Structures are given as structure tokens and as C-alpha cells.
Amino acid sequence: MNSTIERPAVEHYRYSVEWSAADGEFVATIAEFPSLSWLASTQIEALRGLEAIVTSVIDDMLESGEEVPEPLADRSYSGRVNLRVDPEVHRKLATEALRHGTSLNAYAARLLDQ
């Protein structure tokens, strides 16, 4: 394993486990590795199976010098979001912000936070 690259904590990744009616089992997925999943008869088994696969994939990536995705929980966010919208949507947002007595930025941030 390449010791110059820091290994992310596998438990910091964003996992999700839900019932798959199509498969008749629980499916575990991971946001940072969208192509990976694991099926099992229980939620815990699905999560543990996926964590084992993620560990193996990260080991392989580090060994081959590939960049390993940083867990979403460990990332820093600036708080800036640049968004392009249709001019008519822009007009409607600006109008609603004015109607609510706030800036367009504050109004849009409030809408996004809902």
C-alpha cells in the first residue's frame, strides 16, 4: 500500500440501506462510490458487506495510485452555490424576494433549505 496517500476512514462515507422489492433483499449503496452496492437479507449484513467491498476498492485504488474519493462528511464547503436559471425564473425569484422583503440571495437560500 502506498503510505504517502492518507487512507480515508471507511465509516465516514455516506451509506444508505433500503429494502429492494425487486431483489427481495436489502440493498446498501454509498454516495461516494455510486457503482458499488451490496444485497443481503438484513440491513446490517448489507451494510457490512458494502463496507468490506469499499475497503477492498480503496486498497486497490491506493495500491495503483488512483485518487480515492473523500468522504462527504470530511469535505469542506464554502457556502457558495452558483446557479444558472431561465431568465423568467430569475425574474420570479427576484419578485418573490422583494415581496418577502428580503434579498434574492436570502430568499433563494431559504427555499433551498426547506
C-alpha atoms as a PDB file:
ATOM      1  CA  MET A   1       0.000   0.000   0.000  1.00  0.00           C
ATOM      2  CA  ASN A   2       1.226   3.493  -0.842  1.00  0.00           C
ATOM      3  CA  SER A   3       1.945   5.124   2.540  1.00  0.00           C
ATOM      4  CA  THR A   4       2.188   8.674   1.153  1.00  0.00           C
ATOM      5  CA  ILE A   5      -1.562   8.850   0.484  1.00  0.00           C
ATOM      6  CA  GLU A   6      -3.808   9.107   3.529  1.00  0.00           C
ATOM      7  CA  ARG A   7      -6.432   6.374   3.745  1.00  0.00           C
ATOM      8  CA  PRO A   8      -9.937   7.771   4.364  1.00  0.00           C
ATOM      9  CA  ALA A   9     -11.972   6.341   7.233  1.00  0.00           C
ATOM     10  CA  VAL A  10     -14.379   3.868   5.621  1.00  0.00           C
ATOM     11  CA  GLU A  11     -17.030   4.624   8.243  1.00  0.00           C
ATOM     12  CA  HIS A  12     -17.075   8.319   7.254  1.00  0.00           C
ATOM     13  CA  TYR A  13     -18.652   7.602   3.867  1.00  0.00           C
ATOM     14  CA  ARG A  14     -22.375   8.187   3.255  1.00  0.00           C
ATOM     15  CA  TYR A  15     -24.091   4.806   3.249  1.00  0.00           C
ATOM     16  CA  SER A  16     -27.738   4.054   2.647  1.00  0.00           C
ATOM     17  CA  VAL A  17     -29.584   0.778   3.214  1.00  0.00           C
ATOM     18  CA  GLU A  18     -33.105   0.190   1.969  1.00  0.00           C
ATOM     19  CA  TRP A  19     -35.416  -2.633   1.044  1.00  0.00           C
ATOM     20  CA  SER A  20     -35.374  -3.673  -2.617  1.00  0.00           C
ATOM     21  CA  ALA A  21     -38.707  -5.229  -3.541  1.00  0.00           C
ATOM     22  CA  ALA A  22     -37.276  -6.207  -6.931  1.00  0.00           C
ATOM     23  CA  ASP A  23     -34.469  -8.203  -5.286  1.00  0.00           C
ATOM     24  CA  GLY A  24     -36.340  -9.314  -2.168  1.00  0.00           C
ATOM     25  CA  GLU A  25     -33.384  -8.184  -0.054  1.00  0.00           C
ATOM     26  CA  PHE A  26     -31.870  -5.088   1.488  1.00  0.00           C
ATOM     27  CA  VAL A  27     -29.525  -3.130  -0.743  1.00  0.00           C
ATOM     28  CA  ALA A  28     -26.710  -0.993   0.630  1.00  0.00           C
ATOM     29  CA  THR A  29     -25.332   1.846  -1.502  1.00  0.00           C
ATOM     30  CA  ILE A  30     -22.676   4.508  -0.995  1.00  0.00           C
ATOM     31  CA  ALA A  31     -22.855   8.066  -2.337  1.00  0.00           C
ATOM     32  CA  GLU A  32     -19.121   8.452  -2.984  1.00  0.00           C
ATOM     33  CA  PHE A  33     -18.927   5.184  -4.985  1.00  0.00           C
ATOM     34  CA  PRO A  34     -22.222   5.125  -6.943  1.00  0.00           C
ATOM     35  CA  SER A  35     -21.308   1.970  -8.880  1.00  0.00           C
ATOM     36  CA  LEU A  36     -20.988  -0.122  -5.689  1.00  0.00           C
ATOM     37  CA  SER A  37     -23.826  -1.882  -3.862  1.00  0.00           C
ATOM     38  CA  TRP A  38     -24.406  -4.975  -1.736  1.00  0.00           C
ATOM     39  CA  LEU A  39     -27.501  -7.146  -1.307  1.00  0.00           C
ATOM     40  CA  ALA A  40     -28.256  -9.120   1.875  1.00  0.00           C
ATOM     41  CA  SER A  41     -31.178 -10.480   3.852  1.00  0.00           C
ATOM     42  CA  THR A  42     -30.689  -7.978   6.708  1.00  0.00           C
ATOM     43  CA  GLN A  43     -29.803  -4.306   6.845  1.00  0.00           C
ATOM     44  CA  ILE A  44     -26.708  -4.952   8.951  1.00  0.00           C
ATOM     45  CA  GLU A  45     -25.416  -7.658   6.585  1.00  0.00           C
ATOM     46  CA  ALA A  46     -25.946  -5.357   3.601  1.00  0.00           C
ATOM     47  CA  LEU A  47     -24.027  -2.537   5.296  1.00  0.00           C
ATOM     48  CA  ARG A  48     -21.188  -4.798   6.460  1.00  0.00           C
ATOM     49  CA  GLY A  49     -20.880  -6.378   3.016  1.00  0.00           C
ATOM     50  CA  LEU A  50     -20.654  -2.991   1.338  1.00  0.00           C
ATOM     51  CA  GLU A  51     -18.117  -1.704   3.866  1.00  0.00           C
ATOM     52  CA  ALA A  52     -15.920  -4.733   3.110  1.00  0.00           C
ATOM     53  CA  ILE A  53     -16.128  -4.059  -0.637  1.00  0.00           C
ATOM     54  CA  VAL A  54     -15.372  -0.359  -0.142  1.00  0.00           C
ATOM     55  CA  THR A  55     -12.329  -1.248   1.963  1.00  0.00           C
ATOM     56  CA  SER A  56     -11.078  -3.562  -0.790  1.00  0.00           C
ATOM     57  CA  VAL A  57     -11.728  -0.983  -3.525  1.00  0.00           C
ATOM     58  CA  ILE A  58      -9.902   1.739  -1.576  1.00  0.00           C
ATOM     59  CA  ASP A  59      -6.937  -0.597  -1.004  1.00  0.00           C
ATOM     60  CA  ASP A  60      -6.801  -1.323  -4.748  1.00  0.00           C
ATOM     61  CA  MET A  61      -7.060   2.375  -5.617  1.00  0.00           C
ATOM     62  CA  LEU A  62      -4.281   3.320  -3.213  1.00  0.00           C
ATOM     63  CA  GLU A  63      -2.098   0.482  -4.479  1.00  0.00           C
ATOM     64  CA  SER A  64      -2.481   1.661  -8.083  1.00  0.00           C
ATOM     65  CA  GLY A  65      -2.044   5.343  -7.216  1.00  0.00           C
ATOM     66  CA  GLU A  66      -5.611   6.329  -8.050  1.00  0.00           C
ATOM     67  CA  GLU A  67      -7.332   9.188  -6.273  1.00  0.00           C
ATOM     68  CA  VAL A  68      -9.732   7.936  -3.590  1.00  0.00           C
ATOM     69  CA  PRO A  69     -12.963   9.932  -3.158  1.00  0.00           C
ATOM     70  CA  GLU A  70     -13.021  11.986   0.015  1.00  0.00           C
ATOM     71  CA  PRO A  71     -15.997  11.174   2.269  1.00  0.00           C
ATOM     72  CA  LEU A  72     -18.739  13.805   2.004  1.00  0.00           C
ATOM     73  CA  ALA A  73     -18.638  14.172   5.795  1.00  0.00           C
ATOM     74  CA  ASP A  74     -14.963  15.168   5.688  1.00  0.00           C
ATOM     75  CA  ARG A  75     -15.247  17.701   2.854  1.00  0.00           C
ATOM     76  CA  SER A  76     -15.217  21.448   3.404  1.00  0.00           C
ATOM     77  CA  TYR A  77     -17.904  23.542   1.784  1.00  0.00           C
ATOM     78  CA  SER A  78     -17.598  27.246   1.022  1.00  0.00           C
ATOM     79  CA  GLY A  79     -21.308  28.004   1.240  1.00  0.00           C
ATOM     80  CA  ARG A  80     -21.259  29.375  -2.297  1.00  0.00           C
ATOM     81  CA  VAL A  81     -23.543  27.925  -4.943  1.00  0.00           C
ATOM     82  CA  ASN A  82     -23.601  29.417  -8.427  1.00  0.00           C
ATOM     83  CA  LEU A  83     -26.811  28.535 -10.178  1.00  0.00           C
ATOM     84  CA  ARG A  84     -27.973  29.302 -13.699  1.00  0.00           C
ATOM     85  CA  VAL A  85     -31.718  29.526 -14.252  1.00  0.00           C
ATOM     86  CA  ASP A  86     -34.045  30.622 -17.009  1.00  0.00           C
ATOM     87  CA  PRO A  87     -34.415  34.448 -17.040  1.00  0.00           C
ATOM     88  CA  GLU A  88     -38.133  34.119 -16.259  1.00  0.00           C
ATOM     89  CA  VAL A  89     -37.354  32.008 -13.188  1.00  0.00           C
ATOM     90  CA  HIS A  90     -34.820  34.660 -12.145  1.00  0.00           C
ATOM     91  CA  ARG A  91     -37.491  37.347 -12.506  1.00  0.00           C
ATOM     92  CA  LYS A  92     -39.994  35.331 -10.436  1.00  0.00           C
ATOM     93  CA  LEU A  93     -37.454  34.713  -7.681  1.00  0.00           C
ATOM     94  CA  ALA A  94     -36.445  38.377  -7.565  1.00  0.00           C
ATOM     95  CA  THR A  95     -40.113  39.403  -7.422  1.00  0.00           C
ATOM     96  CA  GLU A  96     -40.885  36.954  -4.609  1.00  0.00           C
ATOM     97  CA  ALA A  97     -37.803  38.042  -2.671  1.00  0.00           C
ATOM     98  CA  LEU A  98     -38.906  41.669  -2.931  1.00  0.00           C
ATOM     99  CA  ARG A  99     -42.448  40.708  -1.875  1.00  0.00           C
ATOM    100  CA  HIS A 100     -40.989  38.981   1.212  1.00  0.00           C
ATOM    101  CA  GLY A 101     -38.780  41.988   1.989  1.00  0.00           C
ATOM    102  CA  THR A 102     -35.509  40.123   1.617  1.00  0.00           C
ATOM    103  CA  SER A 103     -32.607  39.848  -0.797  1.00  0.00           C
ATOM    104  CA  LEU A 104     -32.715  37.393  -3.671  1.00  0.00           C
ATOM    105  CA  ASN A 105     -29.801  35.505  -2.122  1.00  0.00           C
ATOM    106  CA  ALA A 106     -31.510  35.188   1.285  1.00  0.00           C
ATOM    107  CA  TYR A 107     -34.804  34.189  -0.333  1.00  0.00           C
ATOM    108  CA  ALA A 108     -33.170  31.520  -2.537  1.00  0.00           C
ATOM    109  CA  ALA A 109     -31.162  30.169   0.425  1.00  0.00           C
ATOM    110  CA  ARG A 110     -34.370  29.849   2.444  1.00  0.00           C
ATOM    111  CA  LEU A 111     -36.063  27.975  -0.429  1.00  0.00           C
ATOM    112  CA  LEU A 112     -33.111  25.606  -0.780  1.00  0.00           C
ATOM    113  CA  ASP A 113     -33.058  24.916   2.963  1.00  0.00           C
ATOM    114  CA  GLN A 114     -36.634  23.613   3.000  1.00  0.00           C
END
